[in-house]
Amino acid sequence: MKILIPTAKEMNSKGVQYPFQKLNEKSKEIIREINKFTIDQLSKLYKIKYDSAKVERSRILDLIDERSYSYEAIHLFDGLMYRNMKRDNLLDEEKAYLVSNVFITSSLYGIINVYDKISEHRLDFLQNIKVNNKNLKTYWRNSFDDFVRDEDLVVSLLSSEFEEVFSKEIRENFVKIIFKEEAGNVLKTHSTISKKARGRFVTKLMENNVYTLEQIKQVTFDDYVFREDLSDDNKIIFVARRGD
C-alpha cells in the first residue's frame, strides 16, 4: 500500500538541519530552469511580493551551489495537514509505517518518502514553467506513474492539482479519500476541513497499522465515520456530524 500526500506552501526551517542532499537529475533540470528567472519574474511567477521573491531567489542560488541545509520533509512542510499529523515522539513501529507507506508528491523532488531530506523551496504544480518544453505535470508524469503502477492499493489524499500529474489510467485505480461535514442535513467540504482531516487520518492509519481497504473504512476520528452510502470503489467518504 502507498499513501500519497501533497506538499505544503508553509515551511518551518527551525527543526533539525542536515547537510545539503544532492538533487537527482530531474530536480537539477528544474532548478536550472528556475535559475533563469529574475527576482521580478519570480514575483510574477509565484504571485508574491518582491521581498519574498528575493528570498526565493536566494534559495534557488543555494540549491544551485549545493549549500542549502536539508530537513526531513515531514518536519519542513508545516501546512495545516502536517500540523495535524503526529510527527514527534513516534513509536518505532509508527515511524516504520510512515517510512514504508507514506509518500509526498513534490513538483521539485518527485515522489519522496516523508523522511527524505529536502531543502526550502516554494515551487508547486501551479507554477507555469516549462522544463524541456514540458509543464511540471507532464515532466513528472512517467516517473509518478511508474512509482505506483504495480501497487495493489494506492490511497490518495491529494487535491486534483496533485492527482493530475498521474495519467488518467493510473488515477482510475486510486482510492481517493474525501472528508465532509454535515450540518442541518447539508454536506459540505472545503480546504480547511480537508487539510486538517488528512493529517488526522494519516495519524490514525499509522497508529492502527492500517493496510487494507476494509481497515480504512473502520477508521474513526474527530466524529468522522465512513459513509458507505456516499462512497464507491474509488472514492471513500468520511462524514462528521456537526451542530445545526
Protein backbone atom coordinates (compact mmCIF):
# COMPACT_ATOMS: atom_id res chain seq x y z
CA MET A 1 0.00 0.00 0.00
CA LYS A 2 1.13 3.51 -0.81
CA ILE A 3 -0.47 6.60 0.71
CA LEU A 4 0.05 9.78 -1.32
CA ILE A 5 0.00 13.19 0.34
CA PRO A 6 0.70 16.70 -1.02
CA THR A 7 3.39 19.19 -0.13
CA ALA A 8 2.61 22.46 1.67
CA LYS A 9 3.42 26.10 0.97
CA GLU A 10 4.20 26.74 4.63
CA MET A 11 7.63 25.60 5.76
CA ASN A 12 9.35 25.52 9.14
CA SER A 13 13.14 25.54 8.99
CA LYS A 14 13.62 25.70 12.77
CA GLY A 15 13.97 21.93 13.07
CA VAL A 16 17.00 19.67 12.81
CA GLN A 17 19.29 20.71 9.96
CA TYR A 18 21.21 18.28 7.79
CA PRO A 19 23.92 18.87 5.17
CA PHE A 20 22.81 19.51 1.60
CA GLN A 21 21.26 16.46 -0.04
CA LYS A 22 22.23 16.16 -3.69
CA LEU A 23 19.39 16.55 -6.17
CA ASN A 24 18.51 13.93 -8.74
CA GLU A 25 18.97 14.90 -12.37
CA LYS A 26 15.29 15.72 -12.97
CA SER A 27 15.29 18.09 -9.99
CA LYS A 28 18.52 19.71 -11.18
CA GLU A 29 16.92 20.43 -14.56
CA ILE A 30 14.05 22.22 -12.82
CA ILE A 31 16.39 24.31 -10.68
CA ARG A 32 18.48 25.25 -13.72
CA GLU A 33 15.31 26.46 -15.44
CA ILE A 34 14.09 28.47 -12.44
CA ASN A 35 17.57 29.96 -12.08
CA LYS A 36 16.92 31.84 -15.33
CA PHE A 37 14.22 33.93 -13.61
CA THR A 38 14.99 37.39 -12.22
CA ILE A 39 13.56 38.48 -8.88
CA ASP A 40 10.82 40.42 -10.68
CA GLN A 41 9.99 37.38 -12.79
CA LEU A 42 9.86 35.16 -9.71
CA SER A 43 7.50 37.66 -8.11
CA LYS A 44 5.13 37.28 -11.06
CA LEU A 45 5.61 33.51 -11.32
CA TYR A 46 4.73 32.89 -7.68
CA LYS A 47 2.39 35.90 -7.32
CA ILE A 48 4.35 37.11 -4.30
CA LYS A 49 5.86 40.42 -3.19
CA TYR A 50 9.33 41.47 -4.27
CA ASP A 51 10.90 40.79 -0.85
CA SER A 52 9.51 37.25 -0.80
CA ALA A 53 10.74 36.71 -4.35
CA LYS A 54 14.16 37.90 -3.24
CA VAL A 55 14.18 35.20 -0.54
CA GLU A 56 13.17 32.59 -3.11
CA ARG A 57 15.92 33.75 -5.45
CA SER A 58 18.42 33.22 -2.63
CA ARG A 59 17.06 29.70 -2.04
CA ILE A 60 17.49 28.87 -5.72
CA LEU A 61 21.11 30.05 -5.71
CA ASP A 62 21.78 27.98 -2.59
CA LEU A 63 20.37 24.92 -4.35
CA ILE A 64 22.47 25.61 -7.45
CA ASP A 65 25.61 26.00 -5.32
CA GLU A 66 24.70 22.99 -3.14
CA ARG A 67 24.94 24.95 0.09
CA SER A 68 21.31 24.67 1.25
CA TYR A 69 20.56 22.97 4.52
CA SER A 70 18.24 19.99 4.29
CA TYR A 71 15.40 18.93 6.57
CA GLU A 72 13.21 15.87 6.86
CA ALA A 73 10.23 16.61 4.64
CA ILE A 74 7.69 15.66 7.33
CA HIS A 75 9.11 18.38 9.59
CA LEU A 76 9.94 21.03 6.97
CA PHE A 77 6.44 21.12 5.48
CA ASP A 78 4.23 22.87 8.01
CA GLY A 79 0.81 23.43 6.46
CA LEU A 80 -2.47 22.51 8.15
CA MET A 81 -2.28 18.87 7.15
CA TYR A 82 1.23 18.47 8.54
CA ARG A 83 0.43 20.33 11.76
CA ASN A 84 -2.48 17.93 12.32
CA MET A 85 -0.30 14.88 11.72
CA LYS A 86 1.53 13.15 14.56
CA ARG A 87 5.18 13.92 13.78
CA ASP A 88 7.02 13.86 17.09
CA ASN A 89 7.68 11.22 19.75
CA LEU A 90 6.67 8.39 17.43
CA LEU A 91 6.96 4.76 18.40
CA ASP A 92 9.44 2.79 16.31
CA GLU A 93 6.62 0.92 14.59
CA GLU A 94 4.79 4.19 13.82
CA LYS A 95 7.84 5.68 12.14
CA ALA A 96 8.40 2.40 10.27
CA TYR A 97 4.81 2.63 8.97
CA LEU A 98 5.41 6.13 7.61
CA VAL A 99 8.71 5.09 6.02
CA SER A 100 7.09 2.12 4.29
CA ASN A 101 3.79 3.64 3.23
CA VAL A 102 3.52 7.43 3.16
CA PHE A 103 4.90 9.42 0.24
CA ILE A 104 4.85 13.10 -0.75
CA THR A 105 4.24 14.23 -4.33
CA SER A 106 6.65 17.11 -4.90
CA SER A 107 6.96 19.28 -8.00
CA LEU A 108 10.69 19.73 -7.34
CA TYR A 109 11.81 16.40 -5.90
CA GLY A 110 9.31 13.98 -7.44
CA ILE A 111 7.73 11.38 -5.17
CA ILE A 112 9.62 11.19 -1.89
CA ASN A 113 9.19 9.48 1.43
CA VAL A 114 8.09 11.68 4.31
CA TYR A 115 11.51 11.23 5.93
CA ASP A 116 13.55 12.08 2.84
CA LYS A 117 15.64 15.21 3.28
CA ILE A 118 14.83 18.27 1.19
CA SER A 119 15.61 22.00 1.14
CA GLU A 120 13.32 25.01 1.39
CA HIS A 121 11.57 25.96 -1.85
CA ARG A 122 8.27 27.43 -2.99
CA LEU A 123 7.63 25.52 -6.22
CA ASP A 124 4.39 23.60 -6.74
CA PHE A 125 2.46 22.28 -9.71
CA LEU A 126 0.57 25.55 -10.21
CA GLN A 127 3.66 27.40 -11.42
CA ASN A 128 3.66 27.96 -15.16
CA ILE A 129 7.19 26.94 -16.06
CA LYS A 130 8.48 24.66 -18.79
CA VAL A 131 11.31 22.15 -18.41
CA ASN A 132 12.40 20.52 -21.66
CA ASN A 133 9.31 22.13 -23.21
CA LYS A 134 7.01 20.35 -20.75
CA ASN A 135 4.95 21.75 -17.91
CA LEU A 136 5.71 20.30 -14.49
CA LYS A 137 2.83 17.82 -14.53
CA THR A 138 3.85 16.36 -17.88
CA TYR A 139 7.53 16.49 -16.93
CA TRP A 140 6.99 14.23 -13.90
CA ARG A 141 4.16 12.03 -15.27
CA ASN A 142 6.15 8.95 -16.30
CA SER A 143 8.11 8.91 -13.04
CA PHE A 144 4.96 9.31 -10.96
CA ASP A 145 3.11 6.62 -12.91
CA ASP A 146 5.97 4.15 -12.56
CA PHE A 147 6.12 4.68 -8.80
CA VAL A 148 2.60 3.35 -8.20
CA ARG A 149 1.95 1.24 -11.29
CA ASP A 150 2.34 -2.17 -9.60
CA GLU A 151 0.73 -1.28 -6.27
CA ASP A 152 -2.40 -3.19 -5.23
CA LEU A 153 -3.70 -0.27 -3.15
CA VAL A 154 -2.92 3.41 -3.69
CA VAL A 155 -4.64 5.74 -1.23
CA SER A 156 -4.84 9.33 -2.46
CA LEU A 157 -5.05 12.26 -0.08
CA LEU A 158 -4.16 14.59 -2.93
CA SER A 159 -6.05 17.53 -4.35
CA SER A 160 -6.86 17.44 -8.06
CA GLU A 161 -3.85 19.72 -8.64
CA PHE A 162 -1.53 16.95 -7.47
CA GLU A 163 -3.51 13.97 -8.77
CA GLU A 164 -3.45 15.27 -12.33
CA VAL A 165 0.28 14.66 -12.51
CA PHE A 166 -0.58 10.97 -12.86
CA SER A 167 -2.01 9.69 -16.13
CA LYS A 168 -5.75 9.02 -16.27
CA GLU A 169 -5.33 5.24 -16.42
CA ILE A 170 -3.26 5.30 -13.23
CA ARG A 171 -5.63 7.69 -11.40
CA GLU A 172 -8.55 5.38 -12.13
CA ASN A 173 -7.02 2.83 -9.77
CA PHE A 174 -6.59 5.25 -6.87
CA VAL A 175 -8.78 5.10 -3.79
CA LYS A 176 -9.47 8.76 -3.07
CA ILE A 177 -10.28 9.78 0.50
CA ILE A 178 -12.74 12.66 0.90
CA PHE A 179 -13.82 14.39 4.10
CA LYS A 180 -17.12 16.21 4.55
CA GLU A 181 -19.05 17.80 7.39
CA GLU A 182 -22.81 17.53 7.79
CA ALA A 183 -24.89 20.22 9.46
CA GLY A 184 -28.62 20.60 9.10
CA ASN A 185 -28.71 17.72 6.59
CA VAL A 186 -26.31 19.66 4.36
CA LEU A 187 -22.98 18.13 3.39
CA LYS A 188 -20.08 20.47 2.80
CA THR A 189 -16.37 20.29 2.26
CA HIS A 190 -13.72 22.94 1.96
CA SER A 191 -9.96 23.30 2.02
CA THR A 192 -9.55 23.78 5.78
CA ILE A 193 -11.73 20.76 6.63
CA SER A 194 -9.84 18.59 4.16
CA LYS A 195 -6.32 19.62 5.18
CA LYS A 196 -6.90 19.11 8.91
CA ALA A 197 -8.67 15.80 8.37
CA ARG A 198 -5.93 14.45 6.10
CA GLY A 199 -3.36 14.93 8.83
CA ARG A 200 -5.52 13.30 11.49
CA PHE A 201 -6.37 10.46 9.10
CA VAL A 202 -2.71 9.64 8.38
CA THR A 203 -2.11 9.62 12.13
CA LYS A 204 -4.89 7.08 12.67
CA LEU A 205 -3.63 4.86 9.85
CA MET A 206 -0.18 4.92 11.40
CA GLU A 207 -1.33 4.34 14.99
CA ASN A 208 -3.56 1.44 13.98
CA ASN A 209 -1.17 -0.10 11.44
CA VAL A 210 -3.83 0.01 8.70
CA TYR A 211 -3.05 -1.82 5.46
CA THR A 212 -6.35 -2.82 3.83
CA LEU A 213 -9.38 -1.07 2.40
CA GLU A 214 -11.65 -2.71 4.96
CA GLN A 215 -9.43 -1.45 7.78
CA ILE A 216 -9.52 2.05 6.27
CA LYS A 217 -13.32 2.01 6.39
CA GLN A 218 -13.20 1.25 10.12
CA VAL A 219 -11.13 4.35 10.92
CA THR A 220 -12.86 6.96 13.08
CA PHE A 221 -11.58 10.27 14.46
CA ASP A 222 -12.99 13.66 15.44
CA ASP A 223 -16.55 12.38 14.75
CA TYR A 224 -15.61 11.33 11.20
CA VAL A 225 -17.05 7.97 10.15
CA PHE A 226 -17.11 6.09 6.86
CA ARG A 227 -20.30 6.63 4.83
CA GLU A 228 -20.95 3.64 2.61
CA ASP A 229 -23.99 5.29 1.04
CA LEU A 230 -21.84 8.10 -0.35
CA SER A 231 -18.79 6.04 -1.31
CA ASP A 232 -17.88 3.79 -4.22
CA ASP A 233 -14.96 1.58 -5.26
CA ASN A 234 -12.65 4.52 -5.93
CA LYS A 235 -13.99 7.09 -3.51
CA ILE A 236 -14.12 6.66 0.26
CA ILE A 237 -16.07 9.40 2.02
CA PHE A 238 -15.90 10.18 5.72
CA VAL A 239 -18.51 12.49 7.24
CA ALA A 240 -18.54 14.28 10.59
CA ARG A 241 -21.86 15.43 12.07
CA ARG A 242 -21.72 18.99 13.35
CA GLY A 243 -24.23 21.10 15.21
CA ASP A 244 -27.08 22.58 13.19
